[in-house]
Amino acid sequence: MAGTPDPGHLFTESSGNLILGDLIYGSGADTAAALAGNITITKKFLNQTGNGSVSAAPVWSILAAGDIPDISGTYSVKAGNTSLVTVGTIGTGTWNADVIADGKIATALTGKTYNALTPTALGTGFTIAGGTIPKTLTVTGDATISGTPLSNPMTTLGDIIYGGASGAATRLGGAAGFLKSTGAAAPAWSAVSLTADVSGILPTANGGTGIAFFTAAGPTVARVYTFPDAAATVLTSNTAVTAAQGGTGQAGGYTIGDLLYASGATTLSKLADVATGNALISGGVGVAPSWGKIGLAATGHVTGNLPVANLNSGTGASATTFWRGDATWATPAGGNSGQPYYPTRQWCYLRPVGTTATVFTSVGCAAFVITGVPAASAQTDSYYIAHPSAATIDTLAGITQTFIQTQGRYRPKLTVLIRTDATIDLRRIWVALTPVALTLTDGVGAFTTRYVGVRYSTSAGDTAWQCASGDGTTGSVVSTGVAVAVSTAYKITVDWSVNGTLTCTVNGTSVNKTTNLDTTQTAALGLHAALTTLSAVARTHRTAFIHLETN
């Protein structure tokens, strides 16, 4: 401005300093000032705040929430206010407040459309028209449907209504059974057909089988079948009934004469019949039986002595006759120096003569070799000659032969009486018929010597006498079950008098062996009754007699 107006004059304009948007305000007593206009793009309002007694210069500012008084009770609605007095008609937006009570809604519903439905207000209630898609009308109170009333054709307890011709309400009288529909036709009460009306498998919990492949046949009237109250396997003709189920486990195919025997704890097997004249022979505990000929002393099938009356009815039998190979009783032709007489058989015999004898008397035996310095050893059971070994490992003590004495084809039978030492450790004892000395071998496994005999060897882990044989390729043993003890006499028989069977007898206990026997039976066999020490300690072998029978 050009100057300050005189207090007594009217102020009408200013000149010189005002621009567009400026405001003039009193900045002091009789003093004016200009407030520059708002040149920002933000809308601002003239704001002035005094101190209760003195004003202040105005300023442009944005409205704060505290600058606006609460006018919702008169002009609008805010959260928490339920007054609709001044709201008027809501034309846009979404109503998010509480449900409006019926008394707060004007009757002017007519003409308004909601979800394609147009309600029309009536004096009582309203009508709804229009709509092109299905809608749901929920009624929580009484409802009246105008138009043709729905008739009630039901007359009796248990009746139901169904849509009849052209949709007419039709009565279906109550009856026993289940309601069954067969498509676009009237429903009816009927029993459930398990073949036509039921699908799936009836589980066992509902009295079914739980499986689709089970049928029963046979009874023509009601029958009662009692089953065990436990899980079990049903016996059928599909497979053989096992022995564990009380059957045989055999599916058939029997031949007349077949026998069943237990081949295992829960298994039965068939034993086929064989030629006439064979007998059923036990193989021992835990071994299958077999058919065969009854063996005499050689196989242990017969015990006791055959009565004289069973040999030619005893005709010609006496104290001075013997049963000869031609099935007659005959008188011996000679006495053989007081030794036992063996008709049709040859024999050799070694024995000490007298309690102080240190050499054997030999009858019919080929040359033999004594190893170890002999000494008399009279015992209560017999006279023995003791032969000690040297105190060197793998040295021999006893009797061996280097010349042929017999062959397997001559059906030899060797009997020897020996006595063990005060100890039985670290040694190998053989009583055998063999072409070579068995000093350094246990005679088993891959073995080229053809022999038969009885063995005790700590190097093989023996605790009992073993029945042994070798066929020139392999050697093997079978235990006699007779334990070896210290200072004990053992009468040992190696009997090959039956072709194909070796019988080893120790102190009356016999065992048969049919494996790894020489089939050529032409190897030269000599006597072998000796001990081998398996440590650098001298050990003693005692022999009372050696007796060999051959054809």
Protein backbone atom coordinates (compact mmCIF):
# COMPACT_ATOMS: atom_id res chain seq x y z
CA MET A 1 0.00 0.00 0.00
CA ALA A 2 1.02 3.61 -0.56
CA GLY A 3 0.49 4.55 3.03
CA THR A 4 -1.47 4.08 6.11
CA PRO A 5 -5.05 5.50 6.00
CA ASP A 6 -5.94 8.07 8.48
CA PRO A 7 -7.99 6.64 11.31
CA GLY A 8 -10.92 8.87 10.54
CA HIS A 9 -11.18 7.79 6.91
CA LEU A 10 -12.76 4.73 5.29
CA PHE A 11 -10.39 2.08 3.90
CA THR A 12 -11.59 0.90 0.53
CA GLU A 13 -8.59 -0.38 -1.42
CA SER A 14 -4.98 -0.74 -1.41
CA SER A 15 -2.62 -0.05 -4.14
CA GLY A 16 0.72 -1.04 -5.32
CA ASN A 17 1.51 -4.47 -3.51
CA LEU A 18 -1.47 -6.86 -3.79
CA ILE A 19 -1.54 -9.80 -6.29
CA LEU A 20 -4.05 -12.49 -7.25
CA GLY A 21 -5.27 -14.48 -4.24
CA ASP A 22 -3.90 -12.19 -1.52
CA LEU A 23 -6.10 -11.40 1.49
CA ILE A 24 -5.92 -8.28 3.66
CA TYR A 25 -6.16 -8.80 7.38
CA GLY A 26 -5.58 -6.65 10.44
CA SER A 27 -2.08 -7.20 11.66
CA GLY A 28 -2.35 -4.62 14.53
CA ALA A 29 -4.29 -1.60 15.78
CA ASP A 30 -5.34 0.37 12.73
CA THR A 31 -2.82 -1.69 10.71
CA ALA A 32 -3.54 -3.87 7.68
CA ALA A 33 -1.42 -6.57 6.14
CA ALA A 34 -1.66 -8.91 3.14
CA LEU A 35 -1.84 -12.75 3.42
CA ALA A 36 -0.40 -14.25 0.25
CA GLY A 37 -2.67 -16.61 -1.60
CA ASN A 38 -2.18 -20.44 -1.65
CA ILE A 39 -0.11 -21.16 -4.71
CA THR A 40 0.23 -25.02 -4.11
CA ILE A 41 -1.90 -27.61 -5.86
CA THR A 42 -3.20 -28.82 -2.47
CA LYS A 43 -6.51 -27.43 -1.35
CA LYS A 44 -6.02 -25.42 1.89
CA PHE A 45 -8.31 -23.56 4.25
CA LEU A 46 -7.95 -20.27 6.14
CA ASN A 47 -7.06 -21.17 9.69
CA GLN A 48 -6.79 -18.84 12.69
CA THR A 49 -6.32 -19.72 16.36
CA GLY A 50 -6.41 -17.14 19.18
CA ASN A 51 -5.47 -17.49 22.82
CA GLY A 52 -8.84 -16.70 24.32
CA SER A 53 -8.36 -12.90 24.49
CA VAL A 54 -6.19 -11.89 21.55
CA SER A 55 -6.56 -12.93 17.94
CA ALA A 56 -3.74 -14.06 15.70
CA ALA A 57 -2.78 -13.75 12.07
CA PRO A 58 -4.55 -16.23 9.76
CA VAL A 59 -2.71 -18.92 7.78
CA TRP A 60 -3.45 -21.36 4.96
CA SER A 61 -3.51 -25.05 6.18
CA ILE A 62 -4.90 -28.51 5.49
CA LEU A 63 -7.82 -29.51 7.69
CA ALA A 64 -6.87 -31.88 10.52
CA ALA A 65 -9.32 -34.38 12.05
CA GLY A 66 -9.51 -32.16 15.12
CA ASP A 67 -10.54 -29.17 13.00
CA ILE A 68 -13.89 -30.82 12.00
CA PRO A 69 -16.72 -30.99 14.59
CA ASP A 70 -18.96 -34.15 14.95
CA ILE A 71 -22.08 -33.40 12.91
CA SER A 72 -23.13 -37.04 12.21
CA GLY A 73 -26.08 -36.80 14.57
CA THR A 74 -27.63 -34.14 12.39
CA TYR A 75 -26.36 -34.61 8.84
CA SER A 76 -24.96 -38.08 8.24
CA VAL A 77 -24.15 -41.58 9.64
CA LYS A 78 -20.92 -42.71 11.15
CA ALA A 79 -19.88 -45.98 12.83
CA GLY A 80 -21.90 -46.52 15.99
CA ASN A 81 -24.69 -44.10 15.09
CA THR A 82 -28.07 -45.73 14.29
CA SER A 83 -29.93 -42.54 13.27
CA LEU A 84 -31.16 -42.50 9.67
CA VAL A 85 -33.15 -39.27 10.00
CA THR A 86 -31.10 -37.23 7.62
CA VAL A 87 -29.69 -40.00 5.44
CA GLY A 88 -32.53 -39.93 3.00
CA THR A 89 -32.35 -42.27 0.08
CA ILE A 90 -29.17 -44.31 -0.36
CA GLY A 91 -28.52 -44.44 -4.05
CA THR A 92 -25.00 -45.80 -4.26
CA GLY A 93 -22.54 -47.83 -2.22
CA THR A 94 -23.08 -50.88 -0.01
CA TRP A 95 -24.87 -50.96 3.32
CA ASN A 96 -22.41 -52.41 5.84
CA ALA A 97 -24.08 -51.43 9.09
CA ASP A 98 -26.47 -53.46 11.29
CA VAL A 99 -29.64 -54.98 9.87
CA ILE A 100 -32.33 -52.31 9.40
CA ALA A 101 -35.44 -53.11 11.43
CA ASP A 102 -38.73 -53.52 9.61
CA GLY A 103 -40.13 -50.36 11.24
CA LYS A 104 -37.31 -48.26 9.79
CA ILE A 105 -38.07 -49.18 6.17
CA ALA A 106 -40.59 -47.14 4.18
CA THR A 107 -43.27 -48.93 2.16
CA ALA A 108 -41.74 -47.76 -1.04
CA LEU A 109 -40.40 -51.21 -2.03
CA THR A 110 -42.57 -51.21 -5.12
CA GLY A 111 -40.54 -50.92 -8.25
CA LYS A 112 -37.20 -51.77 -6.65
CA THR A 113 -35.32 -54.75 -8.14
CA TYR A 114 -33.04 -57.11 -6.21
CA ASN A 115 -31.29 -60.07 -7.93
CA ALA A 116 -33.77 -59.70 -10.81
CA LEU A 117 -36.73 -59.97 -8.42
CA THR A 118 -39.19 -57.09 -8.05
CA PRO A 119 -41.15 -56.88 -4.76
CA THR A 120 -44.45 -54.94 -4.55
CA ALA A 121 -45.63 -53.75 -1.13
CA LEU A 122 -49.21 -54.62 -0.11
CA GLY A 123 -51.26 -53.65 2.83
CA THR A 124 -50.17 -56.85 4.48
CA GLY A 125 -47.05 -58.52 3.08
CA PHE A 126 -45.77 -58.17 -0.47
CA THR A 127 -45.59 -59.90 -3.79
CA ILE A 128 -42.45 -60.92 -5.70
CA ALA A 129 -42.36 -61.05 -9.48
CA GLY A 130 -39.76 -61.60 -12.17
CA GLY A 131 -36.50 -63.46 -12.02
CA THR A 132 -34.79 -65.60 -14.64
CA ILE A 133 -32.60 -67.79 -12.45
CA PRO A 134 -33.46 -69.93 -9.40
CA LYS A 135 -33.55 -68.05 -6.11
CA THR A 136 -34.07 -69.18 -2.52
CA LEU A 137 -36.85 -67.69 -0.43
CA THR A 138 -36.33 -68.27 3.29
CA VAL A 139 -39.38 -67.75 5.48
CA THR A 140 -38.95 -67.77 9.25
CA GLY A 141 -42.58 -67.01 10.10
CA ASP A 142 -46.01 -67.72 8.63
CA ALA A 143 -46.37 -67.71 4.83
CA THR A 144 -49.41 -67.73 2.61
CA ILE A 145 -49.15 -68.85 -1.00
CA SER A 146 -51.92 -67.43 -3.16
CA GLY A 147 -53.33 -69.01 -6.21
CA THR A 148 -54.57 -72.59 -6.56
CA PRO A 149 -54.34 -74.14 -3.10
CA LEU A 150 -52.32 -77.39 -2.66
CA SER A 151 -54.83 -80.12 -1.88
CA ASN A 152 -54.10 -82.85 0.69
CA PRO A 153 -54.99 -86.26 -0.72
CA MET A 154 -53.66 -88.18 2.32
CA THR A 155 -56.31 -89.98 4.35
CA THR A 156 -54.51 -92.60 6.45
CA LEU A 157 -51.50 -92.74 8.75
CA GLY A 158 -48.50 -93.70 6.69
CA ASP A 159 -49.72 -92.10 3.41
CA ILE A 160 -47.29 -90.07 1.33
CA ILE A 161 -47.78 -87.60 -1.54
CA TYR A 162 -46.07 -87.82 -4.91
CA GLY A 163 -46.43 -85.97 -8.16
CA GLY A 164 -48.96 -87.68 -10.35
CA ALA A 165 -50.17 -86.91 -13.85
CA SER A 166 -49.45 -83.29 -14.81
CA GLY A 167 -47.88 -82.77 -11.41
CA ALA A 168 -51.08 -83.34 -9.47
CA ALA A 169 -50.62 -84.29 -5.84
CA THR A 170 -51.33 -88.00 -5.62
CA ARG A 171 -51.74 -90.24 -2.59
CA LEU A 172 -49.70 -93.39 -2.10
CA GLY A 173 -51.12 -95.44 0.71
CA GLY A 174 -48.77 -96.76 3.36
CA ALA A 175 -47.70 -100.41 3.08
CA ALA A 176 -44.94 -102.79 4.21
CA GLY A 177 -41.65 -102.54 2.37
CA PHE A 178 -39.39 -99.88 0.96
CA LEU A 179 -40.32 -97.03 -1.40
CA LYS A 180 -39.00 -97.89 -4.83
CA SER A 181 -38.82 -95.66 -7.90
CA THR A 182 -38.32 -97.08 -11.35
CA GLY A 183 -37.84 -93.75 -13.15
CA ALA A 184 -40.57 -91.55 -14.66
CA ALA A 185 -43.34 -93.64 -13.16
CA ALA A 186 -45.31 -93.79 -9.96
CA PRO A 187 -43.30 -95.04 -6.95
CA ALA A 188 -44.43 -98.13 -5.08
CA TRP A 189 -43.79 -99.99 -1.86
CA SER A 190 -41.85 -103.25 -2.41
CA ALA A 191 -39.26 -105.60 -0.94
CA VAL A 192 -35.60 -104.96 -1.77
CA SER A 193 -34.28 -107.30 -4.45
CA LEU A 194 -30.68 -108.25 -3.59
CA THR A 195 -29.95 -108.93 -7.24
CA ALA A 196 -31.68 -105.93 -8.88
CA ASP A 197 -31.81 -103.24 -6.19
CA VAL A 198 -28.46 -103.67 -4.36
CA SER A 199 -24.96 -102.98 -5.67
CA GLY A 200 -21.58 -103.63 -4.06
CA ILE A 201 -20.63 -106.40 -1.62
CA LEU A 202 -22.37 -106.93 1.71
CA PRO A 203 -19.62 -106.77 4.39
CA THR A 204 -19.19 -109.45 7.03
CA ALA A 205 -20.31 -106.98 9.73
CA ASN A 206 -23.74 -106.95 8.03
CA GLY A 207 -24.00 -110.70 7.62
CA GLY A 208 -22.31 -110.94 4.22
CA THR A 209 -19.06 -112.48 3.10
CA GLY A 210 -17.12 -109.36 2.21
CA ILE A 211 -16.01 -111.04 -1.05
CA ALA A 212 -17.62 -111.27 -4.46
CA PHE A 213 -16.53 -114.80 -5.35
CA PHE A 214 -18.18 -117.03 -2.75
CA THR A 215 -21.15 -119.30 -3.37
CA ALA A 216 -22.63 -122.20 -1.46
CA ALA A 217 -24.47 -125.21 -2.83
CA GLY A 218 -25.76 -128.55 -1.65
CA PRO A 219 -28.46 -128.32 1.01
CA THR A 220 -32.06 -128.54 -0.18
CA VAL A 221 -33.53 -127.85 3.28
CA ALA A 222 -32.35 -125.82 6.25
CA ARG A 223 -29.19 -127.27 7.75
CA VAL A 224 -27.05 -126.30 10.74
CA TYR A 225 -23.29 -126.09 10.30
CA THR A 226 -21.20 -125.39 13.41
CA PHE A 227 -17.91 -123.54 12.89
CA PRO A 228 -15.14 -123.02 15.44
CA ASP A 229 -15.08 -119.66 17.19
CA ALA A 230 -11.56 -118.95 15.88
CA ALA A 231 -9.78 -118.15 12.63
CA ALA A 232 -9.24 -121.35 10.65
CA THR A 233 -8.50 -122.68 7.18
CA VAL A 234 -11.39 -124.42 5.42
CA LEU A 235 -10.51 -127.82 3.98
CA THR A 236 -11.42 -128.16 0.33
CA SER A 237 -10.99 -130.56 -2.55
CA ASN A 238 -8.77 -128.02 -4.30
CA THR A 239 -5.61 -129.19 -2.52
CA ALA A 240 -4.64 -132.19 -0.43
CA VAL A 241 -5.45 -131.99 3.28
CA THR A 242 -2.13 -131.58 5.07
CA ALA A 243 -0.88 -133.74 7.89
CA ALA A 244 -1.11 -130.72 10.22
CA GLN A 245 -4.87 -130.63 9.45
CA GLY A 246 -5.34 -134.32 10.09
CA GLY A 247 -4.90 -135.41 6.47
CA THR A 248 -2.06 -137.06 4.57
CA GLY A 249 -0.85 -134.23 2.36
CA GLN A 250 -1.03 -136.68 -0.56
CA ALA A 251 -3.08 -135.68 -3.60
CA GLY A 252 -3.72 -139.28 -4.66
CA GLY A 253 -1.91 -141.44 -7.15
CA TYR A 254 -1.58 -144.40 -4.81
CA THR A 255 -0.53 -147.82 -5.99
CA ILE A 256 -1.69 -150.98 -4.25
CA GLY A 257 0.85 -151.80 -1.57
CA ASP A 258 2.02 -148.21 -0.96
CA LEU A 259 2.60 -147.29 2.69
CA LEU A 260 2.51 -143.89 4.36
CA TYR A 261 5.24 -142.91 6.83
CA ALA A 262 6.25 -139.73 8.64
CA SER A 263 9.04 -138.09 6.66
CA GLY A 264 8.99 -134.95 8.83
CA ALA A 265 7.36 -133.45 11.89
CA THR A 266 4.28 -132.41 9.83
CA THR A 267 4.75 -134.38 6.61
CA LEU A 268 3.67 -137.82 5.40
CA SER A 269 5.27 -139.51 2.40
CA LYS A 270 4.56 -142.63 0.34
CA LEU A 271 6.79 -145.68 0.45
CA ALA A 272 6.23 -147.60 -2.78
CA ASP A 273 5.81 -151.35 -2.68
CA VAL A 274 8.66 -153.53 -3.97
CA ALA A 275 9.17 -157.10 -5.12
CA THR A 276 7.82 -160.07 -3.23
CA GLY A 277 9.86 -161.35 -0.29
CA ASN A 278 11.13 -158.02 1.03
CA ALA A 279 10.43 -156.84 4.54
CA LEU A 280 9.88 -153.39 6.00
CA ILE A 281 13.08 -152.41 7.83
CA SER A 282 13.42 -149.53 10.23
CA GLY A 283 16.18 -147.08 9.41
CA GLY A 284 16.51 -146.07 13.07
CA VAL A 285 15.20 -143.09 14.99
CA GLY A 286 14.69 -140.11 12.66
CA VAL A 287 15.40 -142.15 9.50
CA ALA A 288 12.84 -143.26 6.90
CA PRO A 289 12.03 -147.00 6.74
CA SER A 290 12.78 -149.05 3.64
CA TRP A 291 12.07 -152.41 2.06
CA GLY A 292 14.83 -155.00 2.16
CA LYS A 293 15.87 -158.50 3.01
CA ILE A 294 16.10 -159.52 6.64
CA GLY A 295 19.79 -159.64 7.46
CA LEU A 296 21.20 -162.13 9.92
CA ALA A 297 24.06 -161.26 12.27
CA ALA A 298 25.75 -159.02 9.73
CA THR A 299 22.97 -156.38 9.81
CA GLY A 300 21.58 -156.98 13.25
CA HIS A 301 18.03 -157.71 12.05
CA VAL A 302 17.93 -161.03 13.89
CA THR A 303 18.81 -161.60 17.52
CA GLY A 304 19.38 -164.88 19.37
CA ASN A 305 20.47 -168.19 17.94
CA LEU A 306 18.72 -170.13 15.21
CA PRO A 307 17.44 -173.34 16.77
CA VAL A 308 18.99 -176.53 15.42
CA ALA A 309 15.51 -177.77 14.57
CA ASN A 310 15.28 -175.03 11.94
CA LEU A 311 18.26 -176.44 10.01
CA ASN A 312 17.12 -179.57 8.18
CA SER A 313 14.77 -180.10 11.13
CA GLY A 314 17.85 -180.93 13.21
CA THR A 315 18.45 -184.19 11.36
CA GLY A 316 22.15 -185.13 11.70
CA ALA A 317 22.90 -182.36 14.22
CA SER A 318 25.15 -183.31 17.16
CA ALA A 319 28.02 -181.97 19.26
CA THR A 320 30.50 -183.25 16.66
CA THR A 321 28.81 -181.97 13.47
CA PHE A 322 28.52 -178.63 11.78
CA TRP A 323 26.10 -177.05 9.32
CA ARG A 324 27.76 -177.17 5.94
CA GLY A 325 27.32 -174.89 2.92
CA ASP A 326 25.44 -177.59 1.03
CA ALA A 327 22.67 -177.43 3.69
CA THR A 328 23.62 -180.64 5.51
CA TRP A 329 25.03 -181.49 8.92
CA ALA A 330 28.55 -182.92 8.48
CA THR A 331 31.48 -184.14 10.61
CA PRO A 332 34.71 -182.06 10.41
CA ALA A 333 37.60 -183.69 8.54
CA GLY A 334 40.36 -182.42 10.90
CA GLY A 335 41.04 -180.50 14.11
CA ASN A 336 43.35 -177.58 13.08
CA SER A 337 45.71 -177.85 16.09
CA GLY A 338 42.95 -177.20 18.59
CA GLN A 339 41.90 -173.86 17.02
CA PRO A 340 38.26 -173.17 16.13
CA TYR A 341 37.22 -174.88 12.95
CA TYR A 342 35.62 -172.74 10.21
CA PRO A 343 34.25 -174.95 7.44
CA THR A 344 34.46 -173.51 3.91
CA ARG A 345 36.27 -170.44 5.31
CA GLN A 346 40.01 -169.65 5.64
CA TRP A 347 41.33 -167.79 8.61
CA CYS A 348 44.44 -166.42 10.25
CA TYR A 349 44.95 -165.97 13.97
CA LEU A 350 47.46 -164.03 16.08
CA ARG A 351 47.61 -164.39 19.87
CA PRO A 352 50.12 -164.40 22.75
CA VAL A 353 50.70 -167.70 24.48
CA GLY A 354 51.09 -167.43 28.27
CA THR A 355 51.01 -164.52 30.71
CA THR A 356 54.59 -163.47 29.95
CA ALA A 357 54.48 -163.76 26.16
CA THR A 358 55.98 -160.89 24.22
CA VAL A 359 55.44 -162.35 20.75
CA PHE A 360 52.37 -163.49 18.90
CA THR A 361 51.71 -167.04 17.79
CA SER A 362 50.55 -166.86 14.17
CA VAL A 363 48.30 -169.44 12.48
CA GLY A 364 47.48 -169.00 8.77
CA CYS A 365 48.59 -165.37 8.62
CA ALA A 366 50.95 -163.80 6.12
CA ALA A 367 54.03 -162.01 7.35
CA PHE A 368 53.36 -159.07 9.62
CA VAL A 369 55.39 -156.23 11.13
CA ILE A 370 55.62 -155.35 14.85
CA THR A 371 56.44 -151.70 15.68
CA GLY A 372 57.52 -150.87 19.23
CA VAL A 373 59.45 -152.97 21.74
CA PRO A 374 56.91 -155.60 22.89
CA ALA A 375 56.17 -156.22 26.56
CA ALA A 376 53.82 -158.66 28.31
CA SER A 377 50.70 -157.01 29.73
CA ALA A 378 48.44 -159.48 31.50
CA GLN A 379 45.02 -158.00 32.39
CA THR A 380 42.04 -159.46 34.18
CA ASP A 381 40.09 -159.84 30.95
CA SER A 382 42.88 -161.28 28.75
CA TYR A 383 46.61 -161.50 28.00
CA TYR A 384 47.92 -158.55 25.99
CA ILE A 385 51.18 -157.62 24.34
CA ALA A 386 52.01 -153.91 24.77
CA HIS A 387 53.81 -152.00 22.03
CA PRO A 388 55.02 -148.46 22.93
CA SER A 389 55.63 -145.80 20.30
CA ALA A 390 58.68 -143.59 20.15
CA ALA A 391 58.43 -140.16 21.78
CA THR A 392 58.21 -138.58 18.34
CA ILE A 393 55.14 -137.15 16.69
CA ASP A 394 53.39 -139.33 14.06
CA THR A 395 55.22 -142.56 15.02
CA LEU A 396 53.48 -145.94 14.99
CA ALA A 397 53.06 -148.69 17.59
CA GLY A 398 51.31 -152.02 16.89
CA ILE A 399 50.83 -154.58 14.10
CA THR A 400 50.77 -154.01 10.33
CA GLN A 401 51.12 -156.21 7.21
CA THR A 402 52.99 -155.46 4.03
CA PHE A 403 51.79 -158.60 2.17
CA ILE A 404 48.40 -159.47 0.83
CA GLN A 405 46.20 -161.29 3.31
CA THR A 406 42.77 -161.01 1.65
CA GLN A 407 40.59 -159.02 -0.74
CA GLY A 408 37.11 -157.49 -0.46
CA ARG A 409 35.64 -160.08 -2.80
CA TYR A 410 36.60 -162.82 -0.30
CA ARG A 411 34.08 -161.38 2.19
CA PRO A 412 36.55 -160.78 5.05
CA LYS A 413 35.64 -160.46 8.71
CA LEU A 414 38.30 -159.08 11.10
CA THR A 415 37.99 -159.30 14.90
CA VAL A 416 40.55 -157.69 17.24
CA LEU A 417 40.69 -157.29 21.03
CA ILE A 418 42.61 -154.19 22.14
CA ARG A 419 42.89 -152.20 25.35
CA THR A 420 43.24 -148.41 25.67
CA ASP A 421 46.01 -146.74 27.65
CA ALA A 422 45.65 -144.75 30.87
CA THR A 423 45.15 -141.69 28.62
CA ILE A 424 43.33 -141.36 25.29
CA ASP A 425 44.43 -137.89 24.15
CA LEU A 426 46.53 -136.97 21.10
CA ARG A 427 46.43 -140.31 19.31
CA ARG A 428 44.99 -142.13 16.30
CA ILE A 429 43.96 -145.81 16.62
CA TRP A 430 43.08 -147.96 13.62
CA VAL A 431 41.69 -151.52 13.44
CA ALA A 432 41.42 -152.06 9.70
CA LEU A 433 41.97 -154.07 6.52
CA THR A 434 44.08 -151.87 4.25
CA PRO A 435 46.79 -152.16 1.55
CA VAL A 436 48.95 -149.47 3.27
CA ALA A 437 49.57 -148.33 6.80
CA LEU A 438 47.09 -145.70 8.01
CA THR A 439 49.67 -144.02 10.23
CA LEU A 440 49.29 -140.44 8.99
CA THR A 441 45.65 -140.23 7.90
CA ASP A 442 42.11 -140.08 9.26
CA GLY A 443 40.91 -141.75 6.03
CA VAL A 444 38.15 -139.27 5.11
CA GLY A 445 37.48 -136.82 2.29
CA ALA A 446 39.46 -137.12 -0.93
CA PHE A 447 41.39 -140.36 -0.28
CA THR A 448 42.79 -142.84 -2.83
CA THR A 449 43.16 -145.86 -0.51
CA ARG A 450 40.56 -148.67 -0.61
CA TYR A 451 40.04 -149.84 2.97
CA VAL A 452 37.52 -150.79 5.70
CA GLY A 453 38.00 -150.40 9.45
CA VAL A 454 37.21 -148.81 12.81
CA ARG A 455 38.91 -145.55 13.85
CA TYR A 456 39.44 -143.36 16.90
CA SER A 457 41.31 -140.11 16.14
CA THR A 458 41.56 -137.00 18.29
CA SER A 459 42.83 -135.09 15.23
CA ALA A 460 39.38 -135.70 13.68
CA GLY A 461 37.62 -134.73 16.92
CA ASP A 462 36.42 -138.30 17.64
CA THR A 463 34.96 -139.13 21.04
CA ALA A 464 33.48 -142.48 19.93
CA TRP A 465 34.64 -145.32 17.67
CA GLN A 466 33.91 -144.60 13.98
CA CYS A 467 32.98 -147.15 11.29
CA ALA A 468 35.16 -146.10 8.30
CA SER A 469 35.68 -147.03 4.65
CA GLY A 470 37.23 -145.66 1.45
CA ASP A 471 36.41 -146.58 -2.17
CA GLY A 472 39.64 -145.28 -3.72
CA THR A 473 38.22 -141.80 -4.29
CA THR A 474 36.51 -140.72 -1.08
CA GLY A 475 36.64 -141.85 2.53
CA SER A 476 33.89 -141.38 5.13
CA VAL A 477 32.85 -142.51 8.61
CA VAL A 478 29.70 -143.37 10.57
CA SER A 479 29.75 -143.19 14.36
CA THR A 480 29.15 -146.42 16.30
CA GLY A 481 28.03 -144.37 19.28
CA VAL A 482 30.40 -146.31 21.57
CA ALA A 483 32.47 -143.80 23.52
CA VAL A 484 36.23 -144.30 23.90
CA ALA A 485 37.37 -144.47 27.55
CA VAL A 486 40.74 -144.92 29.27
CA SER A 487 42.03 -148.38 30.34
CA THR A 488 39.12 -150.18 28.68
CA ALA A 489 39.03 -153.39 26.62
CA TYR A 490 37.32 -153.17 23.23
CA LYS A 491 36.40 -156.13 21.07
CA ILE A 492 36.17 -154.67 17.57
CA THR A 493 34.78 -156.50 14.51
CA VAL A 494 35.11 -155.19 10.94
CA ASP A 495 32.68 -157.40 8.96
CA TRP A 496 32.49 -157.14 5.16
CA SER A 497 31.01 -160.59 4.69
CA VAL A 498 27.88 -159.14 3.05
CA ASN A 499 28.51 -157.50 -0.30
CA GLY A 500 27.60 -153.81 -0.25
CA THR A 501 27.37 -153.57 3.54
CA LEU A 502 30.10 -152.98 6.12
CA THR A 503 29.14 -153.84 9.71
CA CYS A 504 31.27 -152.44 12.53
CA THR A 505 30.70 -153.89 15.99
CA VAL A 506 32.30 -152.52 19.17
CA ASN A 507 31.65 -154.43 22.42
CA GLY A 508 28.39 -155.79 21.01
CA THR A 509 27.07 -152.53 19.50
CA SER A 510 26.78 -152.68 15.69
CA VAL A 511 26.34 -150.08 12.97
CA ASN A 512 26.01 -150.62 9.21
CA LYS A 513 27.71 -148.56 6.51
CA THR A 514 26.87 -148.76 2.80
CA THR A 515 28.68 -145.69 1.45
CA ASN A 516 32.20 -145.36 0.00
CA LEU A 517 32.79 -149.15 -0.21
CA ASP A 518 35.19 -150.44 -2.87
CA THR A 519 33.17 -151.89 -5.75
CA THR A 520 36.12 -153.54 -7.54
CA GLN A 521 37.01 -155.46 -4.34
CA THR A 522 40.35 -156.65 -5.75
CA ALA A 523 42.71 -154.42 -3.75
CA ALA A 524 45.21 -156.29 -1.56
CA LEU A 525 44.15 -155.92 2.09
CA GLY A 526 46.43 -156.53 5.07
CA LEU A 527 45.95 -156.44 8.85
CA HIS A 528 46.33 -153.09 10.62
CA ALA A 529 45.90 -152.84 14.43
CA ALA A 530 48.06 -149.95 15.57
CA LEU A 531 48.31 -146.58 17.30
CA THR A 532 49.94 -143.31 16.09
CA THR A 533 51.07 -140.75 18.64
CA LEU A 534 50.11 -137.19 17.65
CA SER A 535 52.62 -135.50 19.95
CA ALA A 536 56.24 -136.00 21.01
CA VAL A 537 55.14 -138.32 23.81
CA ALA A 538 55.42 -142.14 23.83
CA ARG A 539 52.06 -143.92 23.87
CA THR A 540 51.26 -147.63 24.24
CA HIS A 541 49.04 -149.90 22.14
CA ARG A 542 47.87 -153.26 23.67
CA THR A 543 46.60 -156.16 21.56
CA ALA A 544 45.19 -159.49 22.89
CA PHE A 545 44.39 -161.26 19.59
CA ILE A 546 43.69 -160.73 15.90
CA HIS A 547 41.37 -163.07 14.01
CA LEU A 548 40.53 -162.87 10.28
CA GLU A 549 38.01 -165.00 8.34
CA THR A 550 37.84 -165.02 4.55
CA ASN A 551 36.48 -167.20 1.79
